[in-house]
Protein backbone atom coordinates (compact mmCIF):
# COMPACT_ATOMS: atom_id res chain seq x y z
CA MET A 1 -25.80 12.21 2.90
CA ILE A 2 -23.93 14.11 5.60
CA ALA A 3 -20.23 14.83 4.98
CA ARG A 4 -17.21 15.89 7.03
CA GLU A 5 -13.65 16.59 5.95
CA VAL A 6 -10.82 14.89 7.88
CA GLU A 7 -7.06 14.62 7.47
CA PHE A 8 -4.35 12.12 8.37
CA GLU A 9 -0.59 12.58 8.69
CA GLY A 10 2.16 10.05 9.38
CA HIS A 11 3.58 6.89 7.88
CA LEU A 12 0.21 6.05 6.36
CA ILE A 13 1.25 3.37 3.88
CA ASP A 14 4.01 1.26 5.45
CA SER A 15 2.23 1.35 8.83
CA ASN A 16 -0.98 0.20 7.11
CA ILE A 17 -2.95 3.15 8.51
CA LEU A 18 -4.59 4.31 5.28
CA PRO A 19 -5.86 0.83 4.27
CA ARG A 20 -7.31 0.42 7.78
CA VAL A 21 -9.02 3.82 7.46
CA LEU A 22 -10.65 2.93 4.14
CA ASP A 23 -11.65 -0.55 5.34
CA LEU A 24 -13.23 0.93 8.45
CA ILE A 25 -15.31 3.43 6.46
CA LEU A 26 -16.56 0.66 4.17
CA ASP A 27 -17.22 -1.76 7.06
CA LEU A 28 -19.41 0.91 8.71
CA ASP A 29 -21.36 1.47 5.46
CA GLY A 30 -19.88 4.90 4.88
CA GLU A 31 -18.35 6.45 1.79
CA PHE A 32 -15.25 8.52 1.15
CA GLU A 33 -13.62 10.79 -1.39
CA ILE A 34 -9.86 11.41 -1.19
CA THR A 35 -9.25 15.05 -2.10
CA GLU A 36 -5.50 15.23 -1.44
CA PHE A 37 -2.78 12.62 -0.97
CA ARG A 38 0.95 13.30 -0.61
CA ILE A 39 3.27 10.31 -0.22
CA GLY A 40 6.55 10.61 1.68
CA LYS A 41 9.46 10.02 -0.68
CA ARG A 42 11.95 8.62 1.86
CA LYS A 43 11.48 6.27 4.81
CA HIS A 44 11.57 9.08 7.37
CA ASP A 45 9.17 11.33 5.40
CA LYS A 46 5.54 11.44 6.49
CA SER A 47 2.57 11.12 4.16
CA TYR A 48 -0.54 13.30 4.22
CA ALA A 49 -4.12 12.53 3.21
CA ARG A 50 -7.24 14.67 3.22
CA MET A 51 -10.63 13.14 2.51
CA ILE A 52 -14.36 13.73 2.74
CA VAL A 53 -16.25 11.09 4.75
CA PHE A 54 -19.96 10.55 4.11
CA GLY A 55 -22.60 9.08 6.42
CA ARG A 56 -26.37 8.56 6.10
CA ASP A 57 -27.12 11.10 8.82
CA GLU A 58 -25.41 12.95 11.69
CA GLU A 59 -25.58 9.93 14.01
CA HIS A 60 -24.14 7.51 11.42
CA LEU A 61 -21.38 9.95 10.46
CA GLY A 62 -20.59 10.51 14.14
CA GLU A 63 -20.10 6.77 14.66
CA ILE A 64 -17.70 6.60 11.72
CA LEU A 65 -15.73 9.65 12.87
CA LYS A 66 -15.37 8.27 16.41
CA GLU A 67 -13.70 5.14 15.03
CA LEU A 68 -11.56 7.10 12.53
CA HIS A 69 -10.40 9.30 15.38
CA LYS A 70 -8.69 6.26 16.98
CA LEU A 71 -6.66 5.87 13.77
CA GLY A 72 -5.44 9.46 13.89
CA ALA A 73 -8.18 11.35 12.01
CA ARG A 74 -8.36 15.04 12.81
CA ILE A 75 -10.55 17.90 11.64
CA PRO A 76 -8.61 20.45 9.52
CA ASP A 77 -8.10 23.83 11.22
CA ALA A 78 -8.92 22.29 14.58
CA GLU A 79 -10.60 24.32 17.29
CA ASN A 80 -9.80 24.10 20.99
CA ALA A 81 -10.98 21.01 22.84
CA GLU A 82 -14.39 21.32 24.45
CA VAL A 83 -14.63 20.76 28.20
CA ALA A 84 -17.40 20.46 30.78
CA GLU A 85 -17.28 20.38 34.56
CA ALA A 86 -17.65 17.08 36.38
CA PRO A 87 -20.93 17.49 38.35
CA ASN A 88 -19.67 15.41 41.27
CA ASP A 89 -16.84 13.13 42.42
CA MET A 90 -16.60 10.12 40.06
CA VAL A 91 -19.44 11.51 37.88
CA LEU A 92 -18.70 12.53 34.29
CA PRO A 93 -20.42 15.12 32.08
CA ASP A 94 -22.43 13.90 29.09
CA GLY A 95 -20.44 13.20 25.94
CA PHE A 96 -17.11 12.72 27.75
CA TYR A 97 -14.17 11.64 25.58
CA VAL A 98 -12.80 8.11 26.22
CA THR A 99 -9.07 7.62 25.62
CA THR A 100 -7.11 4.98 23.76
CA ASN A 101 -3.63 3.97 24.96
CA ASN A 102 -1.98 5.81 22.04
CA PRO A 103 -0.19 9.17 22.44
CA THR A 104 -2.92 11.83 22.56
CA PHE A 105 -2.89 15.63 22.27
CA VAL A 106 -5.57 18.21 23.08
CA ARG A 107 -5.75 21.75 21.79
CA ILE A 108 -5.73 24.29 24.64
CA ASN A 109 -5.79 28.02 23.87
CA GLY A 110 -4.60 27.40 20.32
CA GLU A 111 -1.74 25.03 21.25
CA TRP A 112 -1.49 21.22 21.05
CA VAL A 113 -0.65 19.79 24.48
CA GLU A 114 0.25 16.13 25.07
CA VAL A 115 -1.96 14.30 27.55
CA GLU A 116 0.07 13.03 30.50
CA ASP A 117 -0.20 9.43 31.82
CA ILE A 118 -2.12 8.23 28.77
CA GLY A 119 -3.88 4.87 29.07
CA MET A 120 -6.95 3.16 27.63
CA ASP A 121 -10.54 3.68 28.79
CA ARG A 122 -9.93 6.83 30.81
CA VAL A 123 -10.92 10.49 30.47
CA ILE A 124 -8.94 13.68 29.90
CA VAL A 125 -8.93 16.50 32.46
CA VAL A 126 -7.65 19.91 31.35
CA ASP A 127 -5.97 22.69 33.35
CA PRO A 128 -6.25 25.69 30.97
CA GLU A 129 -4.20 28.06 33.12
CA ARG A 130 -1.19 25.75 33.24
CA LYS A 131 -1.87 24.44 29.71
CA LYS A 132 -1.78 20.87 31.02
CA ALA A 133 -3.91 17.82 30.25
CA TYR A 134 -4.09 14.66 32.35
CA CYS A 135 -5.45 11.16 31.75
CA LYS A 136 -7.52 10.00 34.73
CA PHE A 137 -9.50 6.98 35.86
CA LEU A 138 -13.16 7.46 36.69
CA ASN A 139 -12.48 7.02 40.42
CA GLU A 140 -9.92 9.87 40.28
CA ILE A 141 -12.41 12.45 38.99
CA LYS A 142 -13.27 15.27 41.40
CA ARG A 143 -16.22 17.63 41.28
CA GLY A 144 -15.40 20.64 39.11
CA ASP A 145 -12.71 18.91 37.03
CA LEU A 146 -12.74 20.17 33.44
CA VAL A 147 -13.33 16.99 31.43
CA VAL A 148 -12.87 16.88 27.66
CA VAL A 149 -16.11 16.14 25.78
CA GLY A 150 -16.35 15.09 22.15
CA GLU A 151 -13.48 14.59 19.69
CA LYS A 152 -13.04 18.23 18.65
CA GLY A 153 -9.56 19.51 19.46
CA VAL A 154 -8.29 16.00 20.28
CA LYS A 155 -5.54 14.33 18.22
CA VAL A 156 -4.44 10.67 18.50
CA ILE A 157 -1.14 9.36 17.14
CA PRO A 158 -1.66 5.68 16.14
CA PRO A 159 1.24 3.20 16.35
CA GLU A 160 3.56 3.32 13.36
CA ARG A 161 6.10 0.87 12.06
CA PRO A 162 9.55 1.87 13.44
CA ARG A 163 11.96 3.31 10.92
CA LYS A 164 14.56 0.79 12.13
CA SER A 165 14.08 -2.99 12.23
CA SER A 166 13.64 -4.48 15.70
CA THR A 167 12.69 -7.71 17.44
CA PHE A 168 9.04 -6.80 17.19
CA GLU A 169 9.12 -6.67 13.38
CA PHE A 170 11.31 -9.79 13.24
CA MET A 171 8.73 -11.76 15.19
CA GLY A 172 5.83 -10.67 12.98
CA GLY A 173 2.18 -11.16 13.95
CA HIS A 174 0.90 -11.20 17.50
CA VAL A 175 0.86 -14.81 18.63
CA SER A 176 2.00 -18.15 17.29
CA SER A 177 3.15 -21.46 18.70
CA GLU A 178 5.22 -22.17 15.59
CA ARG A 179 7.98 -19.60 15.92
CA PRO A 180 11.61 -20.77 16.44
CA THR A 181 11.61 -19.98 20.16
CA SER A 182 15.40 -20.07 20.63
CA ASN A 183 15.87 -17.38 17.95
CA VAL A 184 13.12 -15.25 19.46
CA VAL A 185 14.65 -15.57 22.94
CA LYS A 186 18.06 -14.42 21.67
CA ALA A 187 16.49 -11.46 19.88
CA ILE A 188 14.58 -10.43 23.02
CA ALA A 189 17.73 -10.82 25.13
CA SER A 190 19.53 -8.44 22.75
CA GLU A 191 16.66 -5.94 23.05
CA ILE A 192 16.84 -6.14 26.86
CA VAL A 193 20.60 -5.65 27.04
CA GLU A 194 20.50 -2.77 24.56
CA LEU A 195 17.59 -1.11 26.33
CA LYS A 196 19.31 -1.27 29.73
CA LYS A 197 22.58 -0.02 28.20
CA ASN A 198 20.69 3.08 27.03
CA GLY A 199 19.13 3.72 30.44
CA GLY A 200 15.78 2.07 29.77
CA ARG A 201 13.58 0.55 32.46
CA ILE A 202 11.96 -2.91 32.48
CA ALA A 203 8.99 -4.21 34.47
CA VAL A 204 8.23 -7.90 34.94
CA VAL A 205 4.74 -9.27 35.57
CA ALA A 206 5.06 -12.80 36.93
CA GLY A 207 2.69 -15.56 37.99
CA PRO A 208 3.36 -18.45 40.43
CA ALA A 209 4.14 -20.76 37.48
CA VAL A 210 7.58 -19.12 37.53
CA ASP A 211 8.10 -20.90 40.88
CA HIS A 212 6.36 -24.15 39.97
CA THR A 213 8.24 -24.68 36.69
CA GLY A 214 11.77 -24.07 37.99
CA ALA A 215 12.21 -20.65 36.34
CA ARG A 216 12.54 -18.89 39.70
CA ASP A 217 16.35 -18.79 39.80
CA ALA A 218 16.49 -17.21 36.35
CA LEU A 219 14.14 -14.39 37.37
CA ALA A 220 16.06 -13.93 40.63
CA GLY A 221 19.26 -13.69 38.58
CA MET A 222 17.78 -11.05 36.27
CA ILE A 223 16.75 -9.00 39.31
CA ARG A 224 20.20 -9.39 40.89
CA ASP A 225 21.95 -8.36 37.66
CA GLY A 226 19.88 -5.22 37.20
CA TYR A 227 17.58 -6.29 34.35
CA VAL A 228 14.37 -5.81 36.33
CA ASP A 229 13.37 -2.36 37.61
CA VAL A 230 9.98 -3.27 39.08
CA LEU A 231 8.14 -6.53 39.81
CA LEU A 232 4.34 -6.73 39.57
CA SER A 233 2.59 -9.84 40.81
CA GLY A 234 0.27 -11.29 43.43
CA ASN A 235 0.37 -13.14 46.71
CA ALA A 236 1.03 -16.58 45.16
CA LEU A 237 4.34 -15.78 43.45
CA ALA A 238 5.81 -14.35 46.64
CA VAL A 239 4.43 -17.13 48.88
CA HIS A 240 5.75 -19.99 46.75
CA ASP A 241 9.05 -18.22 46.15
CA ILE A 242 9.59 -17.96 49.90
CA GLU A 243 8.24 -21.50 50.38
CA LEU A 244 11.06 -22.66 48.08
CA ALA A 245 13.57 -20.79 50.23
CA LEU A 246 12.25 -22.35 53.43
CA PHE A 247 11.19 -25.86 52.37
CA GLY A 248 12.52 -26.48 48.85
CA THR A 249 8.94 -26.97 47.63
CA SER A 250 6.47 -24.96 45.56
CA LEU A 251 2.83 -25.69 46.39
CA GLY A 252 4.10 -28.73 48.27
CA MET A 253 5.99 -30.11 45.25
CA ASP A 254 9.73 -30.75 45.33
CA VAL A 255 10.86 -28.76 42.27
CA ARG A 256 14.01 -30.90 41.85
CA THR A 257 12.22 -34.24 41.66
CA GLY A 258 8.77 -33.08 40.55
CA ARG A 259 7.21 -35.19 43.28
CA PRO A 260 4.88 -34.13 46.11
CA VAL A 261 6.39 -34.04 49.59
CA PRO A 262 4.49 -35.64 52.49
CA GLY A 263 2.72 -32.83 54.33
CA GLY A 264 3.82 -30.40 51.61
CA ASN A 265 0.30 -29.09 51.17
CA ARG A 266 0.81 -27.23 54.48
CA HIS A 267 4.10 -25.61 53.48
CA HIS A 268 2.62 -22.46 51.97
CA ILE A 269 0.53 -21.86 55.12
CA HIS A 270 3.65 -22.33 57.28
CA THR A 271 5.45 -19.88 54.98
CA ILE A 272 2.81 -17.17 55.31
CA SER A 273 2.69 -17.62 59.09
CA ARG A 274 6.48 -17.34 59.45
CA VAL A 275 6.69 -14.21 57.28
CA ILE A 276 3.85 -12.56 59.22
CA ALA A 277 5.62 -13.46 62.48
CA ALA A 278 8.82 -11.89 61.12
CA GLY A 279 6.98 -8.65 60.35
CA GLY A 280 6.81 -8.94 56.57
CA ILE A 281 8.97 -9.93 53.60
CA LYS A 282 11.58 -7.20 54.11
CA LYS A 283 12.14 -8.12 57.76
CA ALA A 284 12.15 -11.83 56.90
CA VAL A 285 15.05 -11.16 54.52
CA GLU A 286 16.88 -8.83 56.91
CA SER A 287 16.58 -11.36 59.77
CA GLY A 288 18.04 -14.15 57.64
CA LEU A 289 14.84 -16.18 57.58
CA VAL A 290 14.76 -15.86 53.77
CA GLY A 291 18.19 -16.15 52.16
CA GLU A 292 17.57 -16.55 48.42
CA GLY A 293 14.98 -16.25 45.66
CA ILE A 294 12.96 -13.61 43.84
CA MET A 295 11.72 -11.60 46.83
CA PHE A 296 15.15 -11.87 48.49
CA GLU A 297 16.79 -10.28 45.42
CA CYS A 298 14.14 -7.55 45.26
CA ILE A 299 14.83 -6.58 48.88
CA LYS A 300 18.63 -6.84 48.59
CA ASN A 301 18.78 -4.84 45.34
CA ASN A 302 16.10 -2.25 46.21
CA VAL A 303 13.86 -3.34 43.35
CA PRO A 304 10.31 -2.17 44.12
CA PHE A 305 7.45 -4.64 43.88
CA VAL A 306 3.66 -4.40 43.93
CA LEU A 307 1.73 -7.48 45.06
CA ALA A 308 -1.97 -7.18 44.21
CA GLY A 309 -4.22 -9.57 46.11
CA SER A 310 -7.23 -11.62 45.04
CA ILE A 311 -10.15 -13.39 46.70
CA ARG A 312 -8.27 -16.73 46.36
CA ASP A 313 -5.30 -15.69 48.51
CA ASP A 314 -4.28 -17.50 51.67
CA GLY A 315 -2.99 -15.12 54.31
CA PRO A 316 -2.08 -12.97 52.52
CA LEU A 317 1.50 -11.83 53.10
CA PRO A 318 1.72 -8.43 54.87
CA GLU A 319 2.95 -6.58 51.75
CA VAL A 320 0.03 -7.77 49.59
CA ILE A 321 -2.42 -4.95 48.76
CA THR A 322 -5.95 -6.29 49.22
CA ASP A 323 -7.78 -3.12 48.10
CA VAL A 324 -7.90 -3.52 44.30
CA MET A 325 -8.28 0.23 43.64
CA LYS A 326 -5.26 0.95 45.79
CA ALA A 327 -3.34 -1.86 44.06
CA LYS A 328 -4.18 -0.38 40.65
CA LYS A 329 -3.00 3.04 41.79
CA GLU A 330 0.30 1.61 43.05
CA MET A 331 0.82 -0.40 39.84
CA LYS A 332 0.19 2.69 37.74
CA LYS A 333 2.72 4.64 39.81
CA ALA A 334 5.30 1.83 39.53
CA LEU A 335 4.93 1.70 35.73
CA LYS A 336 5.76 5.38 35.24
CA GLY A 337 8.78 5.68 32.95
CA ILE A 338 8.84 1.96 32.06
CA ASN A 339 10.01 1.17 28.50
CA MET A 340 9.40 -2.59 28.36
CA VAL A 341 7.13 -5.03 30.18
CA ILE A 342 7.74 -8.79 30.21
CA MET A 343 4.65 -10.76 31.22
CA LEU A 344 5.28 -14.29 32.47
CA ALA A 345 2.45 -16.82 32.82
CA SER A 346 -0.09 -14.62 34.58
CA MET A 347 -3.27 -13.95 32.62
CA LEU A 348 -5.12 -11.73 35.10
CA HIS A 349 -2.15 -9.64 36.19
CA SER A 350 -0.96 -9.33 32.58
CA ILE A 351 -4.31 -7.99 31.39
CA ALA A 352 -4.51 -5.65 34.39
CA VAL A 353 -1.05 -4.24 33.68
CA GLY A 354 -1.78 -4.07 29.95
CA ASN A 355 -4.74 -1.78 30.72
CA LEU A 356 -2.35 0.63 32.44
CA LEU A 357 0.26 0.85 29.67
CA PRO A 358 0.65 3.37 26.85
CA SER A 359 0.91 1.70 23.43
CA THR A 360 4.50 2.97 23.17
CA VAL A 361 5.73 0.50 25.83
CA LYS A 362 7.21 -2.68 24.32
CA THR A 363 5.19 -5.57 25.71
CA ILE A 364 6.12 -9.27 25.61
CA CYS A 365 3.67 -11.87 26.91
CA VAL A 366 4.91 -15.42 27.53
CA ASP A 367 2.34 -18.12 28.24
CA SER A 368 1.71 -21.75 27.32
CA ASN A 369 -1.88 -20.81 26.48
CA PRO A 370 -2.34 -18.75 23.27
CA ALA A 371 -5.66 -17.45 24.64
CA THR A 372 -3.78 -15.38 27.24
CA VAL A 373 -2.12 -13.26 24.57
CA THR A 374 -5.29 -13.13 22.48
CA LYS A 375 -7.29 -11.80 25.44
CA LEU A 376 -4.57 -9.26 26.23
CA VAL A 377 -4.66 -7.93 22.66
CA ASP A 378 -8.46 -8.03 22.46
CA ARG A 379 -8.64 -5.82 25.54
CA GLY A 380 -6.64 -3.08 23.82
CA SER A 381 -2.96 -3.96 24.31
CA HIS A 382 -2.35 -4.16 20.56
CA GLN A 383 1.38 -3.64 21.01
CA ALA A 384 1.74 -6.97 22.86
CA ILE A 385 3.81 -9.69 21.23
CA GLY A 386 2.97 -13.26 22.26
CA ILE A 387 5.34 -16.16 22.75
CA VAL A 388 3.54 -19.46 23.25
CA THR A 389 5.83 -21.63 25.34
CA ASP A 390 6.41 -22.93 28.87
CA VAL A 391 7.78 -20.17 31.08
CA GLY A 392 9.98 -22.83 32.74
CA LEU A 393 11.81 -23.22 29.42
CA PHE A 394 11.67 -19.59 28.28
CA LEU A 395 13.01 -17.75 31.33
CA PRO A 396 16.19 -19.81 31.96
CA GLU A 397 16.97 -19.61 28.22
CA LEU A 398 16.43 -15.83 28.26
CA TYR A 399 18.74 -15.35 31.26
CA LYS A 400 21.36 -17.60 29.68
CA SER A 401 21.21 -15.56 26.45
CA ILE A 402 21.58 -12.29 28.40
CA LYS A 403 24.70 -13.61 30.15
CA GLU A 404 26.15 -14.77 26.82
CA ILE A 405 25.63 -11.31 25.33
CA GLU A 406 27.31 -9.79 28.38
CA MET A 407 30.34 -12.08 27.94
CA ASP A 408 30.60 -11.37 24.19
CA SER A 409 30.60 -7.63 24.78
CA ALA A 410 33.03 -7.74 27.74
């Protein structure tokens, strides 16, 4: 058999890293021999493990090592990362390294350098002179870029259990419809207030169900009170939010009575037409055409928003970005420095945003369909916590809990 020595360092036991490592080796029909194991004696102390991993041949061992690398495996006495030039724009060299969304370091000229803008399913470009490393999408690659190839000289830091208890440990697991929602909401409200008190930044990803279910005023209130730093959504949320401001309906439905309004099916088209005539959402607010709601509060409180379009859109509104690559670029830029993302009843936008996030960003996904959270996690956003409930019940309760915390601390 072919063997290779690897090492791991971190909170290997309480973060369940070592059991996952051993399970993975066995699941891939490999073998291992632990040659050194030092356990941290206190909760802040790190543990260290060194082991020999065996595979049937070079190819089999390589497959095992690639998967172990995602869990933080590194080769002792690491060499510098290997790089190769991109042969053309958006063309990668053979053997290019594919990133996870976990903090990643590359060894450049004998020093470990953290990769900037880390995200899943991207590549690493190195600038040896400046000792910098960048995470880039395929469509951002330029001819001549020095792209990291192979795992040598690359170090990944897998997620570890925080040393201090938080909402995310309290909730346990990833998704369940059986949690006491009111307790969870209060815990999340406390996290939000504490995060903002410490200068943190929060992004909200919202679908049109926020308008349809009567949760719109709660989101508008959170924006007005400074608990939202960026809004990411699509054409529908903005259209139906403004439709509510103009007609009191969302998709032609009176949200107070829950009944359709005669001719209401035309309201969203009227809304789009009026906003286009006004010159866009910002000018519609400034002219007084739109006097309340989510988009109104974003404009009035200088909260940036990115509206990414889809093939289903009517209109769309002038601010909607219809080029998906441009929309992704703008979303990525808007998410820089974000500490928490709250996803509200929007499967496609939630998954899209999840693909742009580092694993260190606290992520809460609220949806009445458990499959939304499952798909989000399956696509790599393992840090996401799911709350299975109606957003129309969750969001007003969350805003109410935030205000109560504010009053108690006043």
